[in-house]
Each structure stands twice: as C-alpha cells, then as structure tokens.
Amino acid sequence: MKASDLRELSVDELKDREENLSQELFNLRFQRAANQLEDKMKIRNTKKDRARILTVIKEKALEDEDKRNKVNGD
C-alpha cells in the first residue's frame, strides 16, 4: 500500500481501512500467541500500513485546518 494511493481516498475510506487493519493486527497477534502464525512479516507489514493510513489522515486534517485559517484571515 503506497501513501500516494492513500492520499487519493477520502478520510472516511481511510478510517474504514484503518479499522480493518486494526482488527487484522489483533487477529495476527492472537495467531502468533497461539503459534498458528505462518508469516511473521505480516504483522510488521500490517503495522506499517496502519501507520501510513494514520499519517495520511493527520496530513488531511492539517490541510483542512490550514484552509480554515486562511479563510478566516488568521
């Protein structure tokens, strides 16, 4: 998952994806605890994808705040 692709999505879509990745991460950790996890890199990749999504959400929030400040003359 690339950040450039994520920037094209809306905030609602990003939040949905973040929720899905959080649930997937929980399931992967549960599998690891039960020694049923086959691909240990999947946890790492899921955490990175989730972090990318959270970063893009934060960027969009800051952009919106900057736009509001420019309109208000601050």
PDB file of N, CA and C in Angstrom:
ATOM      1  N   MET A   1       0.851  -1.160   0.000  1.00  0.00           N
ATOM      2  CA  MET A   1       0.000   0.000   0.000  1.00  0.00           C
ATOM      3  C   MET A   1       0.905   1.234   0.000  1.00  0.00           C
ATOM      4  N   LYS A   2       0.721   2.101  -0.979  1.00  0.00           N
ATOM      5  CA  LYS A   2       1.539   3.293  -1.097  1.00  0.00           C
ATOM      6  C   LYS A   2       0.798   4.502  -0.548  1.00  0.00           C
ATOM      7  N   ALA A   3       1.561   5.417   0.040  1.00  0.00           N
ATOM      8  CA  ALA A   3       0.961   6.624   0.601  1.00  0.00           C
ATOM      9  C   ALA A   3       0.321   7.463  -0.493  1.00  0.00           C
ATOM     10  N   SER A   4       0.907   7.482  -1.676  1.00  0.00           N
ATOM     11  CA  SER A   4       0.336   8.270  -2.774  1.00  0.00           C
ATOM     12  C   SER A   4      -1.052   7.752  -3.153  1.00  0.00           C
ATOM     13  N   ASP A   5      -1.248   6.456  -3.087  1.00  0.00           N
ATOM     14  CA  ASP A   5      -2.568   5.880  -3.362  1.00  0.00           C
ATOM     15  C   ASP A   5      -3.552   6.223  -2.249  1.00  0.00           C
ATOM     16  N   LEU A   6      -3.056   6.242  -1.033  1.00  0.00           N
ATOM     17  CA  LEU A   6      -3.919   6.540   0.107  1.00  0.00           C
ATOM     18  C   LEU A   6      -4.384   7.993   0.104  1.00  0.00           C
ATOM     19  N   ARG A   7      -3.550   8.889  -0.395  1.00  0.00           N
ATOM     20  CA  ARG A   7      -3.899  10.311  -0.407  1.00  0.00           C
ATOM     21  C   ARG A   7      -5.085  10.602  -1.319  1.00  0.00           C
ATOM     22  N   GLU A   8      -5.367   9.703  -2.238  1.00  0.00           N
ATOM     23  CA  GLU A   8      -6.494   9.877  -3.158  1.00  0.00           C
ATOM     24  C   GLU A   8      -7.825   9.492  -2.524  1.00  0.00           C
ATOM     25  N   LEU A   9      -7.787   8.803  -1.392  1.00  0.00           N
ATOM     26  CA  LEU A   9      -9.003   8.338  -0.732  1.00  0.00           C
ATOM     27  C   LEU A   9      -9.544   9.410   0.208  1.00  0.00           C
ATOM     28  N   SER A  10     -10.827   9.302   0.514  1.00  0.00           N
ATOM     29  CA  SER A  10     -11.441  10.234   1.464  1.00  0.00           C
ATOM     30  C   SER A  10     -11.084   9.816   2.889  1.00  0.00           C
ATOM     31  N   VAL A  11     -11.311  10.702   3.821  1.00  0.00           N
ATOM     32  CA  VAL A  11     -10.999  10.438   5.224  1.00  0.00           C
ATOM     33  C   VAL A  11     -11.845   9.272   5.742  1.00  0.00           C
ATOM     34  N   ASP A  12     -13.108   9.201   5.329  1.00  0.00           N
ATOM     35  CA  ASP A  12     -13.972   8.101   5.772  1.00  0.00           C
ATOM     36  C   ASP A  12     -13.451   6.756   5.276  1.00  0.00           C
ATOM     37  N   GLU A  13     -13.013   6.713   4.021  1.00  0.00           N
ATOM     38  CA  GLU A  13     -12.462   5.467   3.482  1.00  0.00           C
ATOM     39  C   GLU A  13     -11.181   5.088   4.216  1.00  0.00           C
ATOM     40  N   LEU A  14     -10.368   6.080   4.525  1.00  0.00           N
ATOM     41  CA  LEU A  14      -9.131   5.812   5.258  1.00  0.00           C
ATOM     42  C   LEU A  14      -9.428   5.272   6.656  1.00  0.00           C
ATOM     43  N   LYS A  15     -10.422   5.847   7.311  1.00  0.00           N
ATOM     44  CA  LYS A  15     -10.779   5.383   8.656  1.00  0.00           C
ATOM     45  C   LYS A  15     -11.305   3.948   8.614  1.00  0.00           C
ATOM     46  N   ASP A  16     -12.069   3.616   7.582  1.00  0.00           N
ATOM     47  CA  ASP A  16     -12.557   2.241   7.433  1.00  0.00           C
ATOM     48  C   ASP A  16     -11.394   1.268   7.249  1.00  0.00           C
ATOM     49  N   ARG A  17     -10.445   1.651   6.408  1.00  0.00           N
ATOM     50  CA  ARG A  17      -9.276   0.794   6.195  1.00  0.00           C
ATOM     51  C   ARG A  17      -8.459   0.649   7.468  1.00  0.00           C
ATOM     52  N   GLU A  18      -8.338   1.732   8.220  1.00  0.00           N
ATOM     53  CA  GLU A  18      -7.582   1.686   9.470  1.00  0.00           C
ATOM     54  C   GLU A  18      -8.252   0.745  10.466  1.00  0.00           C
ATOM     55  N   GLU A  19      -9.564   0.797  10.541  1.00  0.00           N
ATOM     56  CA  GLU A  19     -10.295  -0.120  11.432  1.00  0.00           C
ATOM     57  C   GLU A  19     -10.073  -1.571  11.019  1.00  0.00           C
ATOM     58  N   ASN A  20     -10.125  -1.825   9.712  1.00  0.00           N
ATOM     59  CA  ASN A  20      -9.909  -3.188   9.217  1.00  0.00           C
ATOM     60  C   ASN A  20      -8.500  -3.677   9.544  1.00  0.00           C
ATOM     61  N   LEU A  21      -7.516  -2.793   9.374  1.00  0.00           N
ATOM     62  CA  LEU A  21      -6.140  -3.186   9.679  1.00  0.00           C
ATOM     63  C   LEU A  21      -5.943  -3.393  11.176  1.00  0.00           C
ATOM     64  N   SER A  22      -6.599  -2.612  11.995  1.00  0.00           N
ATOM     65  CA  SER A  22      -6.507  -2.805  13.443  1.00  0.00           C
ATOM     66  C   SER A  22      -7.066  -4.163  13.838  1.00  0.00           C
ATOM     67  N   GLN A  23      -8.184  -4.522  13.244  1.00  0.00           N
ATOM     68  CA  GLN A  23      -8.779  -5.833  13.522  1.00  0.00           C
ATOM     69  C   GLN A  23      -7.870  -6.953  13.018  1.00  0.00           C
ATOM     70  N   GLU A  24      -7.305  -6.768  11.838  1.00  0.00           N
ATOM     71  CA  GLU A  24      -6.399  -7.771  11.291  1.00  0.00           C
ATOM     72  C   GLU A  24      -5.156  -7.917  12.166  1.00  0.00           C
ATOM     73  N   LEU A  25      -4.648  -6.804  12.652  1.00  0.00           N
ATOM     74  CA  LEU A  25      -3.477  -6.846  13.526  1.00  0.00           C
ATOM     75  C   LEU A  25      -3.791  -7.595  14.818  1.00  0.00           C
ATOM     76  N   PHE A  26      -4.967  -7.356  15.374  1.00  0.00           N
ATOM     77  CA  PHE A  26      -5.385  -8.090  16.563  1.00  0.00           C
ATOM     78  C   PHE A  26      -5.413  -9.594  16.286  1.00  0.00           C
ATOM     79  N   ASN A  27      -6.005  -9.968  15.154  1.00  0.00           N
ATOM     80  CA  ASN A  27      -6.097 -11.387  14.800  1.00  0.00           C
ATOM     81  C   ASN A  27      -4.719 -11.999  14.587  1.00  0.00           C
ATOM     82  N   LEU A  28      -3.817 -11.249  13.953  1.00  0.00           N
ATOM     83  CA  LEU A  28      -2.462 -11.758  13.729  1.00  0.00           C
ATOM     84  C   LEU A  28      -1.717 -11.959  15.048  1.00  0.00           C
ATOM     85  N   ARG A  29      -1.881 -11.021  15.963  1.00  0.00           N
ATOM     86  CA  ARG A  29      -1.232 -11.167  17.264  1.00  0.00           C
ATOM     87  C   ARG A  29      -1.797 -12.359  18.023  1.00  0.00           C
ATOM     88  N   PHE A  30      -3.080 -12.572  17.883  1.00  0.00           N
ATOM     89  CA  PHE A  30      -3.714 -13.718  18.530  1.00  0.00           C
ATOM     90  C   PHE A  30      -3.163 -15.017  17.943  1.00  0.00           C
ATOM     91  N   GLN A  31      -3.019 -15.059  16.623  1.00  0.00           N
ATOM     92  CA  GLN A  31      -2.461 -16.244  15.960  1.00  0.00           C
ATOM     93  C   GLN A  31      -1.020 -16.491  16.410  1.00  0.00           C
ATOM     94  N   ARG A  32      -0.256 -15.385  16.542  1.00  0.00           N
ATOM     95  CA  ARG A  32       1.132 -15.541  16.982  1.00  0.00           C
ATOM     96  C   ARG A  32       1.188 -16.119  18.386  1.00  0.00           C
ATOM     97  N   ALA A  33       0.315 -15.667  19.257  1.00  0.00           N
ATOM     98  CA  ALA A  33       0.296 -16.169  20.629  1.00  0.00           C
ATOM     99  C   ALA A  33      -0.073 -17.642  20.675  1.00  0.00           C
ATOM    100  N   ALA A  34      -0.874 -18.087  19.721  1.00  0.00           N
ATOM    101  CA  ALA A  34      -1.300 -19.485  19.677  1.00  0.00           C
ATOM    102  C   ALA A  34      -0.377 -20.330  18.795  1.00  0.00           C
ATOM    103  N   ASN A  35       0.739 -19.746  18.368  1.00  0.00           N
ATOM    104  CA  ASN A  35       1.706 -20.418  17.486  1.00  0.00           C
ATOM    105  C   ASN A  35       1.063 -20.921  16.196  1.00  0.00           C
ATOM    106  N   GLN A  36       0.134 -20.153  15.649  1.00  0.00           N
ATOM    107  CA  GLN A  36      -0.513 -20.529  14.401  1.00  0.00           C
ATOM    108  C   GLN A  36      -0.168 -19.578  13.261  1.00  0.00           C
ATOM    109  N   LEU A  37       0.676 -18.600  13.535  1.00  0.00           N
ATOM    110  CA  LEU A  37       1.028 -17.609  12.531  1.00  0.00           C
ATOM    111  C   LEU A  37       2.129 -18.162  11.627  1.00  0.00           C
ATOM    112  N   GLU A  38       1.853 -18.190  10.325  1.00  0.00           N
ATOM    113  CA  GLU A  38       2.822 -18.734   9.380  1.00  0.00           C
ATOM    114  C   GLU A  38       3.786 -17.663   8.884  1.00  0.00           C
ATOM    115  N   ASP A  39       3.285 -16.484   8.561  1.00  0.00           N
ATOM    116  CA  ASP A  39       4.110 -15.407   8.012  1.00  0.00           C
ATOM    117  C   ASP A  39       4.281 -14.315   9.065  1.00  0.00           C
ATOM    118  N   LYS A  40       5.404 -14.323   9.749  1.00  0.00           N
ATOM    119  CA  LYS A  40       5.626 -13.367  10.829  1.00  0.00           C
ATOM    120  C   LYS A  40       5.813 -11.943  10.317  1.00  0.00           C
ATOM    121  N   MET A  41       6.184 -11.779   9.065  1.00  0.00           N
ATOM    122  CA  MET A  41       6.341 -10.449   8.478  1.00  0.00           C
ATOM    123  C   MET A  41       4.994  -9.771   8.264  1.00  0.00           C
ATOM    124  N   LYS A  42       3.921 -10.537   8.274  1.00  0.00           N
ATOM    125  CA  LYS A  42       2.594  -9.967   8.059  1.00  0.00           C
ATOM    126  C   LYS A  42       2.228  -8.977   9.164  1.00  0.00           C
ATOM    127  N   ILE A  43       2.650  -9.247  10.392  1.00  0.00           N
ATOM    128  CA  ILE A  43       2.386  -8.319  11.491  1.00  0.00           C
ATOM    129  C   ILE A  43       3.103  -7.001  11.230  1.00  0.00           C
ATOM    130  N   ARG A  44       4.363  -7.092  10.869  1.00  0.00           N
ATOM    131  CA  ARG A  44       5.147  -5.886  10.610  1.00  0.00           C
ATOM    132  C   ARG A  44       4.551  -5.065   9.472  1.00  0.00           C
ATOM    133  N   ASN A  45       4.197  -5.730   8.382  1.00  0.00           N
ATOM    134  CA  ASN A  45       3.634  -5.030   7.230  1.00  0.00           C
ATOM    135  C   ASN A  45       2.285  -4.396   7.558  1.00  0.00           C
ATOM    136  N   THR A  46       1.482  -5.078   8.343  1.00  0.00           N
ATOM    137  CA  THR A  46       0.173  -4.542   8.740  1.00  0.00           C
ATOM    138  C   THR A  46       0.345  -3.306   9.616  1.00  0.00           C
ATOM    139  N   LYS A  47       1.304  -3.352  10.536  1.00  0.00           N
ATOM    140  CA  LYS A  47       1.561  -2.189  11.383  1.00  0.00           C
ATOM    141  C   LYS A  47       2.019  -0.993  10.554  1.00  0.00           C
ATOM    142  N   LYS A  48       2.863  -1.240   9.560  1.00  0.00           N
ATOM    143  CA  LYS A  48       3.347  -0.153   8.710  1.00  0.00           C
ATOM    144  C   LYS A  48       2.220   0.426   7.855  1.00  0.00           C
ATOM    145  N   ASP A  49       1.372  -0.435   7.319  1.00  0.00           N
ATOM    146  CA  ASP A  49       0.240   0.045   6.520  1.00  0.00           C
ATOM    147  C   ASP A  49      -0.694   0.894   7.375  1.00  0.00           C
ATOM    148  N   ARG A  50      -0.938   0.465   8.586  1.00  0.00           N
ATOM    149  CA  ARG A  50      -1.802   1.213   9.501  1.00  0.00           C
ATOM    150  C   ARG A  50      -1.185   2.572   9.825  1.00  0.00           C
ATOM    151  N   ALA A  51       0.112   2.590  10.034  1.00  0.00           N
ATOM    152  CA  ALA A  51       0.804   3.852  10.323  1.00  0.00           C
ATOM    153  C   ALA A  51       0.729   4.803   9.130  1.00  0.00           C
ATOM    154  N   ARG A  52       0.858   4.267   7.919  1.00  0.00           N
ATOM    155  CA  ARG A  52       0.731   5.103   6.724  1.00  0.00           C
ATOM    156  C   ARG A  52      -0.643   5.746   6.647  1.00  0.00           C
ATOM    157  N   ILE A  53      -1.655   4.949   6.923  1.00  0.00           N
ATOM    158  CA  ILE A  53      -3.026   5.464   6.875  1.00  0.00           C
ATOM    159  C   ILE A  53      -3.222   6.558   7.922  1.00  0.00           C
ATOM    160  N   LEU A  54      -2.746   6.327   9.131  1.00  0.00           N
ATOM    161  CA  LEU A  54      -2.886   7.330  10.187  1.00  0.00           C
ATOM    162  C   LEU A  54      -2.135   8.610   9.836  1.00  0.00           C
ATOM    163  N   THR A  55      -0.996   8.476   9.168  1.00  0.00           N
ATOM    164  CA  THR A  55      -0.232   9.644   8.742  1.00  0.00           C
ATOM    165  C   THR A  55      -0.994  10.450   7.715  1.00  0.00           C
ATOM    166  N   VAL A  56      -1.592   9.782   6.745  1.00  0.00           N
ATOM    167  CA  VAL A  56      -2.352  10.477   5.711  1.00  0.00           C
ATOM    168  C   VAL A  56      -3.585  11.148   6.315  1.00  0.00           C
ATOM    169  N   ILE A  57      -4.236  10.502   7.257  1.00  0.00           N
ATOM    170  CA  ILE A  57      -5.391  11.109   7.929  1.00  0.00           C
ATOM    171  C   ILE A  57      -4.945  12.385   8.638  1.00  0.00           C
ATOM    172  N   LYS A  58      -3.815  12.345   9.314  1.00  0.00           N
ATOM    173  CA  LYS A  58      -3.294  13.517  10.017  1.00  0.00           C
ATOM    174  C   LYS A  58      -2.943  14.627   9.032  1.00  0.00           C
ATOM    175  N   GLU A  59      -2.334  14.272   7.901  1.00  0.00           N
ATOM    176  CA  GLU A  59      -1.997  15.259   6.874  1.00  0.00           C
ATOM    177  C   GLU A  59      -3.252  15.968   6.371  1.00  0.00           C
ATOM    178  N   LYS A  60      -4.285  15.187   6.117  1.00  0.00           N
ATOM    179  CA  LYS A  60      -5.532  15.767   5.616  1.00  0.00           C
ATOM    180  C   LYS A  60      -6.166  16.686   6.657  1.00  0.00           C
ATOM    181  N   ALA A  61      -6.079  16.308   7.925  1.00  0.00           N
ATOM    182  CA  ALA A  61      -6.624  17.146   8.988  1.00  0.00           C
ATOM    183  C   ALA A  61      -5.865  18.469   9.063  1.00  0.00           C
ATOM    184  N   LEU A  62      -4.550  18.427   8.918  1.00  0.00           N
ATOM    185  CA  LEU A  62      -3.751  19.649   8.951  1.00  0.00           C
ATOM    186  C   LEU A  62      -4.026  20.534   7.741  1.00  0.00           C
ATOM    187  N   GLU A  63      -4.232  19.916   6.580  1.00  0.00           N
ATOM    188  CA  GLU A  63      -4.569  20.681   5.379  1.00  0.00           C
ATOM    189  C   GLU A  63      -5.905  21.402   5.564  1.00  0.00           C
ATOM    190  N   ASP A  64      -6.881  20.697   6.110  1.00  0.00           N
ATOM    191  CA  ASP A  64      -8.194  21.305   6.355  1.00  0.00           C
ATOM    192  C   ASP A  64      -8.080  22.469   7.333  1.00  0.00           C
ATOM    193  N   GLU A  65      -7.259  22.293   8.364  1.00  0.00           N
ATOM    194  CA  GLU A  65      -7.075  23.354   9.353  1.00  0.00           C
ATOM    195  C   GLU A  65      -6.400  24.570   8.717  1.00  0.00           C
ATOM    196  N   ASP A  66      -5.418  24.338   7.864  1.00  0.00           N
ATOM    197  CA  ASP A  66      -4.752  25.443   7.170  1.00  0.00           C
ATOM    198  C   ASP A  66      -5.728  26.190   6.274  1.00  0.00           C
ATOM    199  N   LYS A  67      -6.585  25.464   5.582  1.00  0.00           N
ATOM    200  CA  LYS A  67      -7.572  26.099   4.704  1.00  0.00           C
ATOM    201  C   LYS A  67      -8.536  26.955   5.525  1.00  0.00           C
ATOM    202  N   ARG A  68      -8.978  26.435   6.664  1.00  0.00           N
ATOM    203  CA  ARG A  68      -9.890  27.199   7.521  1.00  0.00           C
ATOM    204  C   ARG A  68      -9.223  28.459   8.060  1.00  0.00           C
ATOM    205  N   ASN A  69      -7.952  28.352   8.412  1.00  0.00           N
ATOM    206  CA  ASN A  69      -7.237  29.522   8.924  1.00  0.00           C
ATOM    207  C   ASN A  69      -7.047  30.582   7.851  1.00  0.00           C
ATOM    208  N   LYS A  70      -6.824  30.176   6.607  1.00  0.00           N
ATOM    209  CA  LYS A  70      -6.663  31.132   5.523  1.00  0.00           C
ATOM    210  C   LYS A  70      -7.965  31.861   5.214  1.00  0.00           C
ATOM    211  N   VAL A  71      -9.083  31.139   5.298  1.00  0.00           N
ATOM    212  CA  VAL A  71     -10.386  31.729   5.040  1.00  0.00           C
ATOM    213  C   VAL A  71     -10.737  32.727   6.135  1.00  0.00           C
ATOM    214  N   ASN A  72     -10.415  32.393   7.371  1.00  0.00           N
ATOM    215  CA  ASN A  72     -10.728  33.268   8.500  1.00  0.00           C
ATOM    216  C   ASN A  72      -9.754  34.434   8.628  1.00  0.00           C
ATOM    217  N   GLY A  73      -8.679  34.411   7.876  1.00  0.00           N
ATOM    218  CA  GLY A  73      -7.727  35.505   7.913  1.00  0.00           C
ATOM    219  C   GLY A  73      -6.714  35.428   9.030  1.00  0.00           C
ATOM    220  N   ASP A  74      -6.571  34.279   9.632  1.00  0.00           N
ATOM    221  CA  ASP A  74      -5.599  34.107  10.716  1.00  0.00           C
ATOM    222  C   ASP A  74      -4.226  33.822  10.186  1.00  0.00           C
TER     223      ASP A  74
END
